[in-house]
Amino acid sequence: MSSIIVSSSKSLPRDIDVTVNITKPQAETTTDFSIPCFCTPNATFDQDSNRIRFYSSLSAVTADGFATSSEAYKAATAFFSQSPRAKTMAIARIFEAAVAGYLELGSVQQTIATWTAVTTGSFKISIDGSEQSITALDFHSCATMAAVATVIQTKLRAVATGGYTLCTVVAGAAGTMRITSGIAGASSTVSYLSAAATGVDVSGSGFLGGQYIDTNDVQTAYTVPGYLPGDIASELAYIDEAASASGKFVYGKVLDKTYRDSSDQTLAAAYCEARTGIIGLCVNSAFAHDSGSTTDIGYLCKTAGYTRTFVVYHNNPYYYPEMAILAIALSVNYSASNSTITMKFKDLYGIPTVPVTESELAVLTSKRINTFTLVGNNSRTTREGVDSNTSWFIDDRINLDNFKEELQVAVYNVFLQNNKVPYTTNGVNLIFNAEDSICRRYVLNGTFAARPIQLASNDNKVSIDPAYTISFTPLQNMTVSDRASRIGPPSTIIANLDGAVHSININVEAYS
């Protein structure tokens, strides 16, 4: 092609000699550890991933059907009343009875005229393993989708077999319909629909939309099996799995008051101890401040040495102080300066104080049980901000979990964002820099801090122990086997916690 632009200043582009390609390498992101979950048997959620839902306001909780008298609303009130607080809370259902399986239809024909034209409709379905052809479906008198569902339900129930007899068919929001087995339990299932041998096929697109479509990544219909719930630990595991399916992580857990002062609390604490996160347990029994009691949840969790459980005593079962504590404790912005907090002395808005005596408080403290008291004239304070383990505070547990998560992600990104991490000093430095950046962040936010130490050799001199140190096993000490397996030199981080002052003695000497 000849050019019609002629100029002595016409130049060639630089990329004929220097080509620059720009890409954005993938990067792993940290998991959000700021979401607490209220776990209750009193919710109408399904047993699939919808068994957990997430809320950013109290009005959203009421809009989802929770009455102001419900335990979920009370827990949500405790959460959303705090300032500062985490942004989001979850509510999840704990199932206590067998659940029936169902088939959810997601693209059901909504034009009634299309249905009334069918007087010999048919489809094939399997409920609880029994496959049946449903025929002679006559929709000519249907005026609503609810009427269409009733016609189908009547035909299904006419099959005198297992889950057919008491099955339900319910038309939901626009474009949905649910077919549920009449028998609950682990063998309760409802299959995808298919065409029957005779009649007008209403199983697929244009009618019920209940067929499995091999070419679709996302099915318009889906099946959810029934099941028989186990103990509360297995239910919490399902809640965690459902949260993961929703792309979220539940870090904190709070139980409905129906589980207070019961063995379910002990099972829940044992479950949470083996996983990342923390659980708040509330006890209403006066045995909590009885020095002779060895059966209350505070005593049991302390004896077990749980680091991921904190117990709170409150004399009024109406309230959820443990949710209020989590709302505040999970609000920390770890990217900000001096942002970490201690839970002792915090006011729990909307939660009444507990009228305990000094001796009762001493018993609670000895059992590592927190409470919420009035001190002096008008100071409402959380006491003591501790986990059940004698060496752990609530803030340390949460801070170190967040540190571990950020550290792991930072090092993982070294591998993602480099063609390779060489088995050399340069490779070690890449990992060191990633670790060092996170450690420095946790000095900034107040998790780690340098500390003065007395030199044993000279009582008048003080040395400064750094906030953290990072060391790697020397490359020359790595075995041939480790090198062959590409196992890098282990690193050790020694960090000094910043800690917090919770009490102090003051000596006054007055001279005349």
Protein backbone atom coordinates (compact mmCIF):
# COMPACT_ATOMS: atom_id res chain seq x y z
CA MET A 1 0.00 0.00 0.00
CA SER A 2 1.45 3.32 -1.02
CA SER A 3 1.27 6.20 1.44
CA ILE A 4 -0.37 9.49 0.60
CA ILE A 5 1.36 11.09 3.60
CA VAL A 6 4.82 12.25 2.62
CA SER A 7 7.09 13.87 5.21
CA SER A 8 10.81 13.94 5.93
CA SER A 9 9.95 13.65 9.67
CA LYS A 10 8.18 10.32 9.23
CA SER A 11 9.74 7.78 11.62
CA LEU A 12 9.57 4.06 12.39
CA PRO A 13 8.06 2.77 15.68
CA ARG A 14 10.47 1.74 18.47
CA ASP A 15 8.85 -1.69 18.88
CA ILE A 16 10.54 -2.98 15.73
CA ASP A 17 13.69 -3.18 17.90
CA VAL A 18 12.40 -3.09 21.47
CA THR A 19 9.17 -4.99 22.00
CA VAL A 20 7.45 -4.56 25.37
CA ASN A 21 4.72 -7.00 26.38
CA ILE A 22 2.68 -6.19 29.46
CA THR A 23 0.85 -8.86 31.44
CA LYS A 24 -0.64 -9.00 34.92
CA PRO A 25 0.67 -12.02 36.83
CA GLN A 26 -1.77 -13.89 38.98
CA ALA A 27 -1.71 -13.23 42.70
CA GLU A 28 -3.27 -15.03 45.63
CA THR A 29 -5.36 -12.91 48.00
CA THR A 30 -5.75 -13.30 51.75
CA THR A 31 -8.84 -14.87 53.27
CA ASP A 32 -11.12 -12.47 55.12
CA PHE A 33 -11.06 -13.43 58.80
CA SER A 34 -13.59 -10.80 59.90
CA ILE A 35 -16.91 -12.68 59.58
CA PRO A 36 -18.66 -14.20 62.62
CA CYS A 37 -21.54 -16.61 62.12
CA PHE A 38 -24.61 -17.16 64.29
CA CYS A 39 -25.55 -20.85 64.16
CA THR A 40 -29.18 -21.64 64.87
CA PRO A 41 -31.69 -24.47 64.35
CA ASN A 42 -34.46 -21.90 63.95
CA ALA A 43 -34.04 -20.86 60.33
CA THR A 44 -35.87 -21.93 57.18
CA PHE A 45 -32.73 -22.26 55.05
CA ASP A 46 -32.10 -25.23 52.75
CA GLN A 47 -29.46 -27.84 53.49
CA ASP A 48 -27.21 -26.92 50.53
CA SER A 49 -24.96 -23.87 50.23
CA ASN A 50 -27.99 -21.73 51.09
CA ARG A 51 -27.81 -22.94 54.69
CA ILE A 52 -25.65 -19.87 55.36
CA ARG A 53 -26.40 -16.26 54.42
CA PHE A 54 -24.46 -13.04 54.90
CA TYR A 55 -25.73 -9.67 56.14
CA SER A 56 -24.32 -6.15 56.29
CA SER A 57 -27.23 -4.52 58.14
CA LEU A 58 -29.84 -5.36 60.75
CA SER A 59 -32.62 -4.44 58.31
CA ALA A 60 -31.33 -7.11 55.93
CA VAL A 61 -31.77 -9.69 58.68
CA THR A 62 -35.41 -8.71 59.24
CA ALA A 63 -36.00 -8.58 55.48
CA ASP A 64 -34.87 -12.21 55.32
CA GLY A 65 -37.75 -13.26 57.54
CA PHE A 66 -36.28 -13.19 61.05
CA ALA A 67 -38.76 -11.74 63.54
CA THR A 68 -37.60 -9.33 66.21
CA SER A 69 -38.32 -12.06 68.78
CA SER A 70 -36.02 -14.57 67.07
CA GLU A 71 -32.64 -15.54 68.45
CA ALA A 72 -31.02 -14.64 65.13
CA TYR A 73 -32.36 -11.10 65.40
CA LYS A 74 -31.11 -10.78 68.99
CA ALA A 75 -27.63 -11.94 67.95
CA ALA A 76 -27.66 -9.62 64.94
CA THR A 77 -28.67 -6.72 67.19
CA ALA A 78 -25.68 -7.44 69.43
CA PHE A 79 -23.43 -7.44 66.34
CA PHE A 80 -24.71 -4.35 64.54
CA SER A 81 -24.93 -2.27 67.75
CA GLN A 82 -21.15 -2.27 68.26
CA SER A 83 -18.82 0.52 67.18
CA PRO A 84 -16.34 -0.19 65.82
CA ARG A 85 -17.43 -3.53 64.43
CA ALA A 86 -16.72 -5.89 61.56
CA LYS A 87 -18.69 -5.17 58.39
CA THR A 88 -20.46 -8.49 57.84
CA MET A 89 -22.04 -11.26 59.90
CA ALA A 90 -23.56 -14.55 58.81
CA ILE A 91 -26.51 -16.64 59.96
CA ALA A 92 -26.44 -20.38 59.34
CA ARG A 93 -28.84 -23.19 60.00
CA ILE A 94 -28.06 -26.20 62.16
CA PHE A 95 -30.27 -29.13 61.19
CA GLU A 96 -31.52 -31.35 63.98
CA ALA A 97 -33.93 -33.65 62.10
CA ALA A 98 -33.78 -35.65 58.87
CA VAL A 99 -34.15 -33.55 55.72
CA ALA A 100 -35.80 -34.53 52.43
CA GLY A 101 -34.07 -34.22 49.07
CA TYR A 102 -35.48 -32.01 46.34
CA LEU A 103 -35.21 -30.97 42.70
CA GLU A 104 -35.08 -27.23 42.15
CA LEU A 105 -36.38 -26.11 38.76
CA GLY A 106 -34.95 -22.77 37.75
CA SER A 107 -36.42 -21.82 34.37
CA VAL A 108 -40.08 -22.82 34.52
CA GLN A 109 -42.40 -21.48 31.84
CA GLN A 110 -44.46 -18.66 33.40
CA THR A 111 -46.94 -18.08 30.56
CA ILE A 112 -50.17 -19.74 31.71
CA ALA A 113 -51.53 -19.94 28.16
CA THR A 114 -48.66 -22.29 27.28
CA TRP A 115 -49.68 -24.61 30.10
CA THR A 116 -53.45 -24.53 29.52
CA ALA A 117 -52.86 -25.75 25.97
CA VAL A 118 -51.46 -29.02 27.38
CA THR A 119 -53.95 -31.74 28.33
CA THR A 120 -51.71 -34.81 27.94
CA GLY A 121 -48.47 -33.64 29.53
CA SER A 122 -45.84 -36.11 30.71
CA PHE A 123 -42.33 -36.49 32.11
CA LYS A 124 -40.15 -39.10 33.78
CA ILE A 125 -38.78 -38.69 37.30
CA SER A 126 -37.07 -40.73 40.00
CA ILE A 127 -37.89 -40.12 43.68
CA ASP A 128 -35.89 -42.05 46.29
CA GLY A 129 -34.58 -44.38 43.60
CA SER A 130 -37.96 -45.31 42.10
CA GLU A 131 -38.27 -44.15 38.48
CA GLN A 132 -41.79 -43.42 37.23
CA SER A 133 -43.42 -42.00 34.12
CA ILE A 134 -45.96 -39.33 35.03
CA THR A 135 -48.57 -38.99 32.29
CA ALA A 136 -51.99 -37.51 31.53
CA LEU A 137 -51.15 -34.14 33.07
CA ASP A 138 -54.08 -31.86 32.24
CA PHE A 139 -53.42 -28.15 32.79
CA HIS A 140 -56.40 -26.73 30.85
CA SER A 141 -58.06 -25.21 33.94
CA CYS A 142 -54.91 -23.76 35.56
CA ALA A 143 -54.99 -20.01 36.14
CA THR A 144 -51.72 -19.67 38.11
CA MET A 145 -48.34 -21.38 38.44
CA ALA A 146 -49.47 -22.57 41.88
CA ALA A 147 -52.29 -24.44 40.13
CA VAL A 148 -49.79 -25.99 37.70
CA ALA A 149 -47.75 -27.17 40.70
CA THR A 150 -50.88 -28.67 42.28
CA VAL A 151 -51.70 -30.68 39.15
CA ILE A 152 -48.16 -32.12 39.12
CA GLN A 153 -48.22 -32.83 42.88
CA THR A 154 -51.56 -34.67 42.61
CA LYS A 155 -50.20 -36.93 39.88
CA LEU A 156 -46.99 -37.63 41.77
CA ARG A 157 -48.83 -38.49 44.98
CA ALA A 158 -51.03 -40.90 43.06
CA VAL A 159 -47.96 -43.12 42.69
CA ALA A 160 -48.26 -45.30 45.81
CA THR A 161 -44.51 -45.70 46.25
CA GLY A 162 -42.19 -44.33 48.96
CA GLY A 163 -41.43 -40.64 48.63
CA TYR A 164 -44.07 -40.09 45.95
CA THR A 165 -46.98 -40.46 48.37
CA LEU A 166 -46.26 -37.36 50.48
CA CYS A 167 -44.09 -35.39 48.05
CA THR A 168 -44.66 -31.67 47.56
CA VAL A 169 -44.51 -29.47 44.48
CA VAL A 170 -44.32 -25.74 45.19
CA ALA A 171 -44.12 -22.86 42.71
CA GLY A 172 -41.73 -20.27 44.06
CA ALA A 173 -40.50 -16.93 42.76
CA ALA A 174 -40.74 -16.21 39.03
CA GLY A 175 -39.24 -19.09 37.10
CA THR A 176 -38.80 -21.55 39.99
CA MET A 177 -40.56 -24.67 41.20
CA ARG A 178 -39.46 -27.28 43.73
CA ILE A 179 -40.27 -30.98 43.84
CA THR A 180 -39.49 -32.44 47.29
CA SER A 181 -39.55 -36.09 48.32
CA GLY A 182 -42.13 -37.09 50.91
CA ILE A 183 -39.55 -39.09 52.87
CA ALA A 184 -36.56 -37.50 54.61
CA GLY A 185 -33.17 -39.02 55.24
CA ALA A 186 -29.90 -40.03 53.63
CA SER A 187 -31.59 -41.98 50.80
CA SER A 188 -34.00 -39.16 49.94
CA THR A 189 -33.37 -37.94 46.39
CA VAL A 190 -35.25 -36.40 43.48
CA SER A 191 -33.62 -36.80 40.06
CA TYR A 192 -33.51 -34.56 37.01
CA LEU A 193 -36.52 -34.89 34.71
CA SER A 194 -36.55 -36.61 31.32
CA ALA A 195 -39.07 -37.31 28.58
CA ALA A 196 -41.67 -40.04 29.06
CA ALA A 197 -42.54 -42.42 26.23
CA THR A 198 -45.99 -40.91 25.61
CA GLY A 199 -47.78 -37.56 25.85
CA VAL A 200 -46.57 -33.97 25.49
CA ASP A 201 -43.11 -33.69 27.06
CA VAL A 202 -43.13 -30.96 29.74
CA SER A 203 -39.82 -31.96 31.34
CA GLY A 204 -37.48 -29.62 29.53
CA SER A 205 -37.00 -26.16 28.10
CA GLY A 206 -40.23 -24.25 27.50
CA PHE A 207 -42.05 -25.97 30.36
CA LEU A 208 -40.47 -27.26 33.61
CA GLY A 209 -36.84 -26.85 32.55
CA GLY A 210 -35.90 -29.83 34.69
CA GLN A 211 -33.61 -31.76 32.36
CA TYR A 212 -29.87 -32.16 32.83
CA ILE A 213 -28.14 -30.46 29.90
CA ASP A 214 -24.73 -31.95 29.09
CA THR A 215 -23.56 -28.85 27.20
CA ASN A 216 -24.26 -26.42 30.06
CA ASP A 217 -21.66 -25.54 32.69
CA VAL A 218 -24.44 -24.22 34.92
CA GLN A 219 -27.64 -26.22 35.02
CA THR A 220 -31.01 -24.46 35.04
CA ALA A 221 -32.19 -27.18 37.44
CA TYR A 222 -30.25 -28.82 40.26
CA THR A 223 -30.76 -31.59 42.78
CA VAL A 224 -30.05 -31.46 46.50
CA PRO A 225 -30.02 -34.79 48.35
CA GLY A 226 -31.62 -35.27 51.74
CA TYR A 227 -29.59 -36.35 54.74
CA LEU A 228 -29.71 -37.34 58.40
CA PRO A 229 -27.88 -34.75 60.54
CA GLY A 230 -25.17 -35.88 62.92
CA ASP A 231 -23.97 -34.07 66.03
CA ILE A 232 -23.36 -30.34 66.23
CA ALA A 233 -19.72 -30.73 65.15
CA SER A 234 -20.76 -32.28 61.84
CA GLU A 235 -23.30 -29.50 61.36
CA LEU A 236 -20.61 -26.85 61.92
CA ALA A 237 -18.48 -28.63 59.31
CA TYR A 238 -21.35 -28.34 56.81
CA ILE A 239 -21.68 -24.65 57.66
CA ASP A 240 -17.99 -24.12 56.94
CA GLU A 241 -18.36 -26.01 53.65
CA ALA A 242 -21.40 -23.95 52.68
CA ALA A 243 -19.52 -20.72 53.44
CA SER A 244 -16.67 -21.89 51.23
CA ALA A 245 -19.14 -22.66 48.43
CA SER A 246 -20.30 -19.05 48.76
CA GLY A 247 -16.72 -17.82 48.36
CA LYS A 248 -16.45 -16.72 51.99
CA PHE A 249 -14.85 -17.90 55.23
CA VAL A 250 -16.50 -17.99 58.64
CA TYR A 251 -13.85 -17.15 61.23
CA GLY A 252 -16.00 -16.68 64.34
CA LYS A 253 -18.91 -18.81 65.53
CA VAL A 254 -21.70 -18.17 68.04
CA LEU A 255 -24.34 -20.73 69.01
CA ASP A 256 -28.07 -20.22 69.50
CA LYS A 257 -28.98 -19.99 73.20
CA THR A 258 -30.76 -23.34 72.93
CA TYR A 259 -27.29 -24.93 73.13
CA ARG A 260 -26.12 -23.03 76.22
CA ASP A 261 -25.08 -25.03 79.25
CA SER A 262 -25.22 -28.25 77.24
CA SER A 263 -22.80 -30.88 75.93
CA ASP A 264 -23.25 -29.36 72.44
CA GLN A 265 -21.07 -26.46 73.54
CA THR A 266 -18.26 -28.85 74.41
CA LEU A 267 -18.54 -30.63 71.05
CA ALA A 268 -18.54 -27.28 69.22
CA ALA A 269 -15.45 -26.11 71.09
CA ALA A 270 -13.60 -29.33 70.26
CA TYR A 271 -14.53 -28.94 66.58
CA CYS A 272 -13.30 -25.33 66.41
CA GLU A 273 -10.05 -26.13 68.22
CA ALA A 274 -8.90 -28.18 65.22
CA ARG A 275 -9.58 -25.41 62.69
CA THR A 276 -8.66 -21.82 61.98
CA GLY A 277 -11.11 -19.55 63.73
CA ILE A 278 -12.59 -18.88 67.14
CA ILE A 279 -15.86 -19.70 68.90
CA GLY A 280 -17.59 -17.67 71.59
CA LEU A 281 -19.64 -19.66 74.10
CA CYS A 282 -22.06 -18.03 76.52
CA VAL A 283 -22.98 -19.61 79.85
CA ASN A 284 -26.04 -18.52 81.84
CA SER A 285 -25.77 -20.99 84.69
CA ALA A 286 -24.67 -19.70 88.10
CA PHE A 287 -22.36 -22.72 88.26
CA ALA A 288 -19.97 -20.60 86.20
CA HIS A 289 -19.06 -18.53 89.27
CA ASP A 290 -19.28 -21.48 91.68
CA SER A 291 -15.75 -22.43 92.70
CA GLY A 292 -16.86 -26.00 93.37
CA SER A 293 -18.36 -26.59 89.92
CA THR A 294 -16.38 -28.82 87.55
CA THR A 295 -19.12 -29.31 84.95
CA ASP A 296 -19.71 -25.80 83.60
CA ILE A 297 -18.42 -25.02 80.10
CA GLY A 298 -15.82 -22.54 81.38
CA TYR A 299 -14.17 -25.12 83.62
CA LEU A 300 -14.31 -27.79 80.90
CA CYS A 301 -12.77 -25.57 78.21
CA LYS A 302 -10.05 -24.34 80.52
CA THR A 303 -9.23 -27.91 81.54
CA ALA A 304 -9.06 -28.87 77.86
CA GLY A 305 -6.73 -25.92 77.23
CA TYR A 306 -8.67 -24.65 74.23
CA THR A 307 -6.98 -21.69 72.50
CA ARG A 308 -9.81 -21.10 70.03
CA THR A 309 -12.65 -20.80 72.53
CA PHE A 310 -13.63 -17.91 74.74
CA VAL A 311 -16.40 -18.28 77.29
CA VAL A 312 -18.65 -15.45 78.51
CA TYR A 313 -20.91 -15.50 81.55
CA HIS A 314 -24.12 -13.50 81.49
CA ASN A 315 -27.02 -13.86 83.90
CA ASN A 316 -29.65 -12.95 81.26
CA PRO A 317 -30.21 -15.56 78.50
CA TYR A 318 -31.82 -12.95 76.24
CA TYR A 319 -28.48 -11.43 75.23
CA TYR A 320 -25.49 -12.45 73.10
CA PRO A 321 -22.41 -10.78 74.61
CA GLU A 322 -20.18 -13.25 72.76
CA MET A 323 -21.44 -11.89 69.41
CA ALA A 324 -20.81 -8.31 70.58
CA ILE A 325 -17.25 -9.28 71.52
CA LEU A 326 -16.63 -10.85 68.10
CA ALA A 327 -18.08 -7.79 66.35
CA ILE A 328 -15.43 -5.61 67.99
CA ALA A 329 -12.55 -8.09 68.01
CA LEU A 330 -12.88 -8.82 64.27
CA SER A 331 -13.01 -5.15 63.27
CA VAL A 332 -9.22 -4.63 63.20
CA ASN A 333 -7.69 -3.21 60.01
CA TYR A 334 -4.30 -4.94 59.94
CA SER A 335 -2.99 -2.52 57.31
CA ALA A 336 -3.42 0.48 59.60
CA SER A 337 -0.99 1.82 62.17
CA ASN A 338 -1.56 0.86 65.83
CA SER A 339 -4.88 -0.76 64.92
CA THR A 340 -4.81 -3.88 67.09
CA ILE A 341 -6.92 -3.88 70.23
CA THR A 342 -7.43 -5.73 73.50
CA MET A 343 -10.95 -6.79 74.50
CA LYS A 344 -10.63 -5.92 78.18
CA PHE A 345 -12.29 -2.60 79.13
CA LYS A 346 -14.45 -2.51 75.97
CA ASP A 347 -18.07 -1.39 76.25
CA LEU A 348 -20.59 -3.74 74.68
CA TYR A 349 -23.35 -1.46 73.43
CA GLY A 350 -26.86 -2.77 74.03
CA ILE A 351 -25.70 -5.49 76.43
CA PRO A 352 -26.63 -5.00 80.12
CA THR A 353 -23.90 -5.42 82.71
CA VAL A 354 -23.79 -8.51 84.93
CA PRO A 355 -24.20 -7.92 88.70
CA VAL A 356 -21.39 -10.11 90.03
CA THR A 357 -19.58 -9.73 93.33
CA GLU A 358 -15.80 -9.49 93.67
CA SER A 359 -15.63 -13.09 94.89
CA GLU A 360 -17.78 -14.31 91.98
CA LEU A 361 -15.59 -12.35 89.56
CA ALA A 362 -12.53 -14.00 91.06
CA VAL A 363 -14.02 -17.45 90.37
CA LEU A 364 -14.92 -16.47 86.79
CA THR A 365 -11.39 -15.18 86.25
CA SER A 366 -9.88 -18.37 87.64
CA LYS A 367 -11.92 -20.39 85.13
CA ARG A 368 -10.94 -18.08 82.23
CA ILE A 369 -14.57 -16.97 81.87
CA ASN A 370 -15.20 -13.46 80.57
CA THR A 371 -18.08 -11.29 81.72
CA PHE A 372 -19.38 -7.73 81.36
CA THR A 373 -19.52 -5.59 84.48
CA LEU A 374 -20.08 -2.12 85.83
CA VAL A 375 -16.94 -0.74 87.46
CA GLY A 376 -16.84 2.36 89.66
CA ASN A 377 -19.65 4.82 88.98
CA ASN A 378 -20.47 4.25 85.32
CA SER A 379 -17.71 2.32 83.51
CA ARG A 380 -19.14 -0.63 81.53
CA THR A 381 -16.24 -2.99 80.90
CA THR A 382 -15.56 -6.37 79.35
CA ARG A 383 -13.49 -8.62 81.61
CA GLU A 384 -10.95 -10.12 80.92
CA GLY A 385 -10.69 -10.64 77.17
CA VAL A 386 -9.22 -14.13 77.53
CA ASP A 387 -9.43 -17.45 75.72
CA SER A 388 -9.94 -20.64 77.73
CA ASN A 389 -6.25 -21.53 77.54
CA THR A 390 -4.27 -19.92 80.35
CA SER A 391 -1.65 -18.58 77.91
CA TRP A 392 -3.96 -16.99 75.35
CA PHE A 393 -5.95 -13.79 75.02
CA ILE A 394 -8.69 -13.27 72.44
CA ASP A 395 -6.74 -10.56 70.61
CA ASP A 396 -3.52 -12.61 70.40
CA ARG A 397 -5.37 -15.56 68.88
CA ILE A 398 -7.05 -13.43 66.23
CA ASN A 399 -3.95 -11.34 65.48
CA LEU A 400 -1.71 -14.37 65.02
CA ASP A 401 -4.23 -16.13 62.79
CA ASN A 402 -4.31 -13.08 60.53
CA PHE A 403 -0.51 -12.89 60.60
CA LYS A 404 -0.21 -16.54 59.59
CA GLU A 405 -2.68 -16.05 56.73
CA GLU A 406 -0.90 -12.98 55.37
CA LEU A 407 2.51 -14.63 55.75
CA GLN A 408 1.42 -17.74 53.89
CA VAL A 409 -0.13 -15.75 51.05
CA ALA A 410 2.91 -13.47 50.73
CA VAL A 411 5.29 -16.43 50.37
CA TYR A 412 2.91 -18.27 48.04
CA ASN A 413 2.85 -15.22 45.77
CA VAL A 414 6.64 -15.42 45.50
CA PHE A 415 6.16 -18.75 43.74
CA LEU A 416 3.24 -17.49 41.62
CA GLN A 417 4.94 -14.34 40.42
CA ASN A 418 8.41 -15.64 39.60
CA ASN A 419 9.31 -18.03 36.82
CA LYS A 420 11.09 -20.00 39.49
CA VAL A 421 12.58 -19.48 42.93
CA PRO A 422 16.18 -20.66 42.50
CA TYR A 423 17.84 -22.90 45.08
CA THR A 424 20.37 -20.15 45.75
CA THR A 425 20.91 -17.20 48.04
CA ASN A 426 18.88 -15.10 45.62
CA GLY A 427 15.96 -17.51 45.96
CA VAL A 428 16.16 -17.41 49.73
CA ASN A 429 16.22 -13.63 49.61
CA LEU A 430 12.97 -13.58 47.62
CA ILE A 431 11.27 -15.55 50.37
CA PHE A 432 12.95 -13.53 53.11
CA ASN A 433 11.71 -10.27 51.62
CA ALA A 434 8.14 -11.59 51.51
CA GLU A 435 8.30 -12.71 55.14
CA ASP A 436 9.95 -9.49 56.24
CA SER A 437 7.28 -7.32 54.59
CA ILE A 438 4.52 -9.05 56.57
CA CYS A 439 6.47 -8.94 59.83
CA ARG A 440 7.02 -5.21 59.39
CA ARG A 441 3.29 -4.73 58.77
CA TYR A 442 2.53 -6.50 62.06
CA VAL A 443 4.97 -4.26 63.90
CA LEU A 444 3.17 -1.28 62.38
CA ASN A 445 -0.30 -2.47 63.41
CA GLY A 446 0.81 -3.24 66.96
CA THR A 447 0.90 -7.04 67.02
CA PHE A 448 4.70 -7.28 67.44
CA ALA A 449 7.03 -4.89 69.25
CA ALA A 450 10.63 -4.62 70.34
CA ARG A 451 11.17 -5.06 74.06
CA PRO A 452 13.88 -4.00 76.52
CA ILE A 453 15.73 -6.79 78.33
CA GLN A 454 18.05 -6.54 81.29
CA LEU A 455 21.58 -7.70 80.59
CA ALA A 456 22.52 -10.34 83.14
CA SER A 457 26.15 -9.29 83.03
CA ASN A 458 25.39 -5.71 84.06
CA ASP A 459 22.32 -4.69 86.05
CA ASN A 460 22.60 -1.13 84.86
CA LYS A 461 22.44 -1.88 81.16
CA VAL A 462 19.41 -2.68 79.04
CA SER A 463 19.42 -4.27 75.61
CA ILE A 464 16.66 -4.07 73.03
CA ASP A 465 15.27 -7.37 71.76
CA PRO A 466 13.95 -6.71 68.20
CA ALA A 467 10.27 -7.11 67.42
CA TYR A 468 11.12 -10.09 65.22
CA THR A 469 13.97 -12.00 63.69
CA ILE A 470 13.96 -14.20 60.58
CA SER A 471 16.53 -16.92 60.01
CA PHE A 472 16.94 -19.61 57.37
CA THR A 473 18.73 -22.94 57.53
CA PRO A 474 21.99 -22.41 55.60
CA LEU A 475 21.87 -23.79 52.08
CA GLN A 476 24.96 -25.90 52.71
CA ASN A 477 23.11 -27.74 55.48
CA MET A 478 20.29 -28.91 53.23
CA THR A 479 20.38 -32.60 52.35
CA VAL A 480 20.71 -34.04 48.86
CA SER A 481 17.26 -35.56 49.32
CA ASP A 482 15.70 -32.18 50.16
CA ARG A 483 17.33 -30.58 47.14
CA ALA A 484 16.17 -33.41 44.90
CA SER A 485 12.62 -33.00 46.23
CA ARG A 486 12.90 -29.21 45.86
CA ILE A 487 12.18 -28.66 49.55
CA GLY A 488 13.55 -25.24 50.40
CA PRO A 489 15.54 -24.30 53.49
CA PRO A 490 13.21 -23.90 56.49
CA SER A 491 12.88 -20.47 58.02
CA THR A 492 12.22 -19.53 61.62
CA ILE A 493 10.49 -16.34 62.72
CA ILE A 494 10.85 -15.34 66.37
CA ALA A 495 8.44 -12.53 67.21
CA ASN A 496 7.78 -10.60 70.41
CA LEU A 497 4.10 -9.86 70.99
CA ASP A 498 3.30 -6.24 71.74
CA GLY A 499 0.83 -7.40 74.40
CA ALA A 500 -1.30 -5.07 76.54
CA VAL A 501 -1.48 -3.78 80.10
CA HIS A 502 -4.62 -5.05 81.87
CA SER A 503 -3.89 -4.05 85.46
CA ILE A 504 -1.37 -2.07 87.46
CA ASN A 505 -0.28 -1.40 91.05
CA ILE A 506 0.47 2.17 92.11
CA ASN A 507 2.47 2.91 95.22
CA VAL A 508 2.16 6.36 96.74
CA GLU A 509 4.50 7.64 99.42
CA ALA A 510 3.31 10.85 101.02
CA TYR A 511 5.71 12.99 103.02
CA SER A 512 4.81 15.83 105.34
